[in-house]
């Protein structure tokens, strides 16, 4: 694989096996395993969507539109679809939007 940038995990995933890209991937894997061992939150991990659905329901009860929620979450389309499991990153974004709305509403 021929790329202009080396030394990034993205290049390694794309197929480059040069030394800088291999080191970047090894560094990522080491950090990932360290976070697992120490119990830190892994943003890509999947969790049940029940808590996120409750937060969204509270926003809907306050007449916040789905389009405005999607915009606040940084989504391109106004449709917000939640499956049974979502990533921790998505849950934290929903929690942030919920907290921002209710802190502004009661200030």
N, C-alpha and C. Protein backbone atom coordinates (compact mmCIF):
# COMPACT_ATOMS: atom_id res chain seq x y z
N UNK A 1 0.84 -1.19 0.00
CA UNK A 1 0.00 0.00 0.00
C UNK A 1 0.88 1.24 0.00
N UNK A 2 0.51 2.20 -0.80
CA UNK A 2 1.29 3.43 -0.90
C UNK A 2 0.43 4.58 -0.38
N UNK A 3 0.90 5.23 0.69
CA UNK A 3 0.21 6.39 1.23
C UNK A 3 1.23 7.50 1.43
N UNK A 4 0.71 8.71 1.55
CA UNK A 4 1.58 9.85 1.79
C UNK A 4 1.90 10.02 3.26
N UNK A 5 1.06 9.48 4.13
CA UNK A 5 1.27 9.63 5.56
C UNK A 5 1.59 8.29 6.17
N UNK A 6 2.59 8.27 6.99
CA UNK A 6 2.99 7.06 7.70
C UNK A 6 3.10 7.39 9.17
N UNK A 7 3.04 6.36 9.98
CA UNK A 7 3.15 6.56 11.41
C UNK A 7 1.81 6.74 12.10
N UNK A 8 0.73 6.38 11.41
CA UNK A 8 -0.61 6.49 11.98
C UNK A 8 -1.30 5.14 11.93
N UNK A 9 -2.15 4.88 12.89
CA UNK A 9 -2.87 3.62 12.93
C UNK A 9 -3.79 3.49 11.72
N UNK A 10 -4.32 4.61 11.28
CA UNK A 10 -5.20 4.60 10.11
C UNK A 10 -4.48 4.02 8.89
N UNK A 11 -3.24 4.35 8.72
CA UNK A 11 -2.46 3.79 7.61
C UNK A 11 -2.23 2.30 7.81
N UNK A 12 -1.99 1.91 9.06
CA UNK A 12 -1.79 0.49 9.35
C UNK A 12 -3.05 -0.31 9.02
N UNK A 13 -4.21 0.21 9.42
CA UNK A 13 -5.47 -0.46 9.14
C UNK A 13 -5.71 -0.55 7.63
N UNK A 14 -5.27 0.47 6.91
CA UNK A 14 -5.45 0.47 5.45
C UNK A 14 -4.50 -0.51 4.76
N UNK A 15 -3.55 -1.08 5.52
CA UNK A 15 -2.69 -2.10 4.92
C UNK A 15 -1.20 -1.82 4.94
N UNK A 16 -0.79 -0.65 5.36
CA UNK A 16 0.63 -0.32 5.39
C UNK A 16 1.30 -1.03 6.57
N UNK A 17 2.40 -1.71 6.31
CA UNK A 17 3.12 -2.43 7.36
C UNK A 17 4.53 -1.89 7.56
N UNK A 18 4.74 -0.62 7.23
CA UNK A 18 6.04 -0.01 7.47
C UNK A 18 6.25 0.12 8.98
N UNK A 19 7.47 0.33 9.39
CA UNK A 19 7.79 0.38 10.81
C UNK A 19 7.02 1.46 11.56
N UNK A 20 6.95 2.72 11.08
CA UNK A 20 6.20 3.75 11.82
C UNK A 20 4.71 3.41 11.99
N UNK A 21 4.10 2.82 10.97
CA UNK A 21 2.68 2.47 11.07
C UNK A 21 2.48 1.31 12.03
N UNK A 22 3.39 0.35 12.02
CA UNK A 22 3.31 -0.79 12.93
C UNK A 22 3.47 -0.33 14.37
N UNK A 23 4.38 0.61 14.61
CA UNK A 23 4.58 1.16 15.95
C UNK A 23 3.33 1.91 16.41
N UNK A 24 2.72 2.68 15.52
CA UNK A 24 1.50 3.42 15.87
C UNK A 24 0.39 2.46 16.26
N UNK A 25 0.24 1.36 15.52
CA UNK A 25 -0.79 0.38 15.86
C UNK A 25 -0.47 -0.30 17.19
N UNK A 26 0.78 -0.64 17.42
CA UNK A 26 1.17 -1.28 18.68
C UNK A 26 0.91 -0.35 19.86
N UNK A 27 1.16 0.94 19.67
CA UNK A 27 0.90 1.93 20.73
C UNK A 27 -0.59 1.99 21.05
N UNK A 28 -1.42 1.99 20.01
CA UNK A 28 -2.88 2.01 20.21
C UNK A 28 -3.33 0.77 20.98
N UNK A 29 -2.86 -0.39 20.57
CA UNK A 29 -3.25 -1.64 21.22
C UNK A 29 -2.81 -1.63 22.69
N UNK A 30 -1.60 -1.15 22.97
CA UNK A 30 -1.12 -1.08 24.36
C UNK A 30 -1.99 -0.17 25.20
N UNK A 31 -2.37 1.00 24.66
CA UNK A 31 -3.24 1.92 25.39
C UNK A 31 -4.62 1.31 25.62
N UNK A 32 -5.15 0.64 24.61
CA UNK A 32 -6.46 0.00 24.70
C UNK A 32 -6.45 -1.04 25.82
N UNK A 33 -5.45 -1.88 25.83
CA UNK A 33 -5.36 -2.93 26.87
C UNK A 33 -5.17 -2.32 28.26
N UNK A 34 -4.42 -1.24 28.35
CA UNK A 34 -4.22 -0.57 29.63
C UNK A 34 -5.56 -0.03 30.16
N UNK A 35 -6.35 0.59 29.27
CA UNK A 35 -7.65 1.11 29.67
C UNK A 35 -8.57 -0.02 30.13
N UNK A 36 -8.50 -1.16 29.46
CA UNK A 36 -9.31 -2.31 29.89
C UNK A 36 -8.89 -2.79 31.27
N UNK A 37 -7.59 -2.92 31.50
CA UNK A 37 -7.09 -3.41 32.78
C UNK A 37 -7.44 -2.49 33.93
N UNK A 38 -7.40 -1.18 33.69
CA UNK A 38 -7.64 -0.21 34.76
C UNK A 38 -9.12 0.14 34.92
N UNK A 39 -9.96 -0.45 34.09
CA UNK A 39 -11.40 -0.24 34.23
C UNK A 39 -11.89 1.09 33.69
N UNK A 40 -11.11 1.74 32.86
CA UNK A 40 -11.54 3.01 32.27
C UNK A 40 -12.61 2.75 31.22
N UNK A 41 -13.41 3.76 30.97
CA UNK A 41 -14.49 3.64 30.00
C UNK A 41 -13.90 3.57 28.60
N UNK A 42 -14.33 2.57 27.85
CA UNK A 42 -13.93 2.44 26.46
C UNK A 42 -15.07 3.02 25.62
N UNK A 43 -14.81 4.13 24.92
CA UNK A 43 -15.87 4.85 24.22
C UNK A 43 -16.55 4.03 23.13
N UNK A 44 -15.87 3.06 22.59
CA UNK A 44 -16.45 2.23 21.54
C UNK A 44 -17.21 1.03 22.06
N UNK A 45 -17.19 0.83 23.37
CA UNK A 45 -17.88 -0.33 23.95
C UNK A 45 -19.38 -0.15 23.82
N UNK A 46 -20.09 -1.25 23.71
CA UNK A 46 -21.54 -1.21 23.57
C UNK A 46 -22.20 -1.40 24.93
N UNK A 47 -23.25 -0.63 25.16
CA UNK A 47 -24.04 -0.73 26.38
C UNK A 47 -25.52 -0.77 26.00
N UNK A 48 -26.36 -1.14 26.94
CA UNK A 48 -27.80 -1.14 26.69
C UNK A 48 -28.28 0.29 26.47
N UNK A 49 -29.22 0.45 25.56
CA UNK A 49 -29.70 1.78 25.20
C UNK A 49 -30.84 2.27 26.07
N UNK A 50 -31.21 1.52 27.09
CA UNK A 50 -32.36 1.88 27.93
C UNK A 50 -32.22 3.26 28.56
N UNK A 51 -31.05 3.53 29.15
CA UNK A 51 -30.85 4.84 29.82
C UNK A 51 -30.92 5.98 28.82
N UNK A 52 -30.33 5.78 27.65
CA UNK A 52 -30.37 6.83 26.63
C UNK A 52 -31.80 7.07 26.16
N UNK A 53 -32.58 6.00 26.02
CA UNK A 53 -33.97 6.14 25.59
C UNK A 53 -34.78 6.93 26.61
N UNK A 54 -34.50 6.70 27.91
CA UNK A 54 -35.21 7.47 28.95
C UNK A 54 -34.86 8.95 28.88
N UNK A 55 -33.58 9.26 28.65
CA UNK A 55 -33.18 10.67 28.54
C UNK A 55 -33.85 11.33 27.34
N UNK A 56 -33.89 10.62 26.22
CA UNK A 56 -34.54 11.17 25.03
C UNK A 56 -36.04 11.35 25.25
N UNK A 57 -36.66 10.42 25.96
CA UNK A 57 -38.09 10.54 26.25
C UNK A 57 -38.37 11.78 27.10
N UNK A 58 -37.49 12.07 28.06
CA UNK A 58 -37.66 13.27 28.88
C UNK A 58 -37.55 14.53 28.02
N UNK A 59 -36.64 14.51 27.06
CA UNK A 59 -36.51 15.67 26.15
C UNK A 59 -37.77 15.82 25.30
N UNK A 60 -38.30 14.71 24.82
CA UNK A 60 -39.53 14.78 24.01
C UNK A 60 -40.70 15.30 24.83
N UNK A 61 -40.77 14.93 26.09
CA UNK A 61 -41.85 15.42 26.95
C UNK A 61 -41.75 16.92 27.16
N UNK A 62 -40.55 17.46 27.04
CA UNK A 62 -40.35 18.90 27.16
C UNK A 62 -40.47 19.62 25.82
N UNK A 63 -41.03 18.92 24.83
CA UNK A 63 -41.29 19.48 23.51
C UNK A 63 -40.02 19.79 22.72
N UNK A 64 -38.94 19.09 22.99
CA UNK A 64 -37.72 19.24 22.19
C UNK A 64 -37.86 18.33 20.98
N UNK A 65 -37.69 18.87 19.79
CA UNK A 65 -37.90 18.09 18.58
C UNK A 65 -36.75 17.13 18.33
N UNK A 66 -37.05 16.07 17.58
CA UNK A 66 -36.02 15.10 17.22
C UNK A 66 -34.94 15.75 16.38
N UNK A 67 -35.34 16.69 15.53
CA UNK A 67 -34.38 17.37 14.66
C UNK A 67 -33.40 18.21 15.48
N UNK A 68 -33.89 18.89 16.50
CA UNK A 68 -32.99 19.71 17.31
C UNK A 68 -32.05 18.84 18.16
N UNK A 69 -32.55 17.69 18.60
CA UNK A 69 -31.69 16.76 19.34
C UNK A 69 -30.61 16.22 18.43
N UNK A 70 -30.99 15.81 17.23
CA UNK A 70 -30.03 15.28 16.27
C UNK A 70 -28.98 16.33 15.93
N UNK A 71 -29.41 17.58 15.76
CA UNK A 71 -28.47 18.66 15.47
C UNK A 71 -27.49 18.86 16.63
N UNK A 72 -28.00 18.83 17.85
CA UNK A 72 -27.14 19.00 19.02
C UNK A 72 -26.16 17.85 19.17
N UNK A 73 -26.54 16.66 18.69
CA UNK A 73 -25.65 15.51 18.75
C UNK A 73 -24.65 15.49 17.60
N UNK A 74 -24.82 16.41 16.64
CA UNK A 74 -23.90 16.47 15.52
C UNK A 74 -24.24 15.52 14.39
N UNK A 75 -25.49 15.06 14.34
CA UNK A 75 -25.91 14.15 13.29
C UNK A 75 -26.36 14.94 12.07
N UNK A 76 -26.17 14.36 10.90
CA UNK A 76 -26.54 15.06 9.67
C UNK A 76 -28.02 14.97 9.37
N UNK A 77 -28.62 13.84 9.69
CA UNK A 77 -30.05 13.68 9.40
C UNK A 77 -30.85 13.83 10.69
N UNK A 78 -32.08 14.30 10.59
CA UNK A 78 -32.87 14.54 11.81
C UNK A 78 -33.35 13.26 12.48
N UNK A 79 -33.27 12.13 11.81
CA UNK A 79 -33.74 10.89 12.40
C UNK A 79 -32.71 10.31 13.37
N UNK A 80 -33.12 10.11 14.59
CA UNK A 80 -32.24 9.53 15.60
C UNK A 80 -32.75 8.13 15.90
N UNK A 81 -32.02 7.12 15.46
CA UNK A 81 -32.44 5.74 15.65
C UNK A 81 -31.56 5.10 16.71
N UNK A 82 -32.20 4.54 17.73
CA UNK A 82 -31.46 3.82 18.76
C UNK A 82 -31.84 2.35 18.70
N UNK A 83 -30.85 1.54 18.66
CA UNK A 83 -31.06 0.10 18.68
C UNK A 83 -31.02 -0.37 20.13
N UNK A 84 -30.98 -1.65 20.35
CA UNK A 84 -30.95 -2.19 21.71
C UNK A 84 -29.65 -1.86 22.42
N UNK A 85 -28.58 -1.75 21.65
CA UNK A 85 -27.27 -1.44 22.24
C UNK A 85 -26.65 -0.28 21.47
N UNK A 86 -26.02 0.63 22.22
CA UNK A 86 -25.35 1.78 21.61
C UNK A 86 -23.95 1.89 22.20
N UNK A 87 -23.12 2.70 21.57
CA UNK A 87 -21.77 2.89 22.08
C UNK A 87 -21.80 3.83 23.28
N UNK A 88 -20.80 3.70 24.11
CA UNK A 88 -20.66 4.58 25.27
C UNK A 88 -20.55 6.03 24.79
N UNK A 89 -19.83 6.23 23.69
CA UNK A 89 -19.67 7.58 23.13
C UNK A 89 -21.02 8.20 22.80
N UNK A 90 -21.92 7.45 22.14
CA UNK A 90 -23.24 7.97 21.79
C UNK A 90 -24.05 8.28 23.05
N UNK A 91 -23.97 7.39 24.06
CA UNK A 91 -24.70 7.62 25.31
C UNK A 91 -24.21 8.89 25.99
N UNK A 92 -22.90 9.09 26.02
CA UNK A 92 -22.35 10.29 26.68
C UNK A 92 -22.77 11.56 25.95
N UNK A 93 -22.88 11.49 24.62
CA UNK A 93 -23.35 12.66 23.86
C UNK A 93 -24.80 12.97 24.20
N UNK A 94 -25.63 11.93 24.26
CA UNK A 94 -27.05 12.13 24.60
C UNK A 94 -27.17 12.70 26.01
N UNK A 95 -26.37 12.18 26.92
CA UNK A 95 -26.39 12.66 28.30
C UNK A 95 -25.97 14.13 28.38
N UNK A 96 -24.97 14.52 27.57
CA UNK A 96 -24.52 15.91 27.54
C UNK A 96 -25.62 16.83 27.03
N UNK A 97 -26.31 16.44 25.95
CA UNK A 97 -27.40 17.25 25.40
C UNK A 97 -28.52 17.37 26.42
N UNK A 98 -28.86 16.28 27.08
CA UNK A 98 -29.90 16.29 28.11
C UNK A 98 -29.53 17.25 29.23
N UNK A 99 -28.31 17.16 29.72
CA UNK A 99 -27.85 18.03 30.81
C UNK A 99 -27.84 19.49 30.38
N UNK A 100 -27.38 19.76 29.16
CA UNK A 100 -27.36 21.15 28.67
C UNK A 100 -28.76 21.73 28.57
N UNK A 101 -29.69 20.94 28.04
CA UNK A 101 -31.05 21.46 27.90
C UNK A 101 -31.67 21.77 29.24
N UNK A 102 -31.55 20.85 30.18
CA UNK A 102 -32.21 21.06 31.46
C UNK A 102 -31.49 22.09 32.32
N UNK A 103 -30.19 22.28 32.13
CA UNK A 103 -29.51 23.34 32.90
C UNK A 103 -29.91 24.71 32.34
N UNK A 104 -30.12 24.80 31.02
CA UNK A 104 -30.55 26.07 30.42
C UNK A 104 -32.01 26.36 30.75
N UNK A 105 -32.82 25.31 30.80
CA UNK A 105 -34.25 25.50 31.03
C UNK A 105 -34.54 26.01 32.43
N UNK A 106 -33.69 25.68 33.39
CA UNK A 106 -33.95 26.05 34.77
C UNK A 106 -33.00 27.12 35.31
N UNK A 107 -32.22 27.73 34.44
CA UNK A 107 -31.35 28.83 34.88
C UNK A 107 -32.09 30.15 34.97
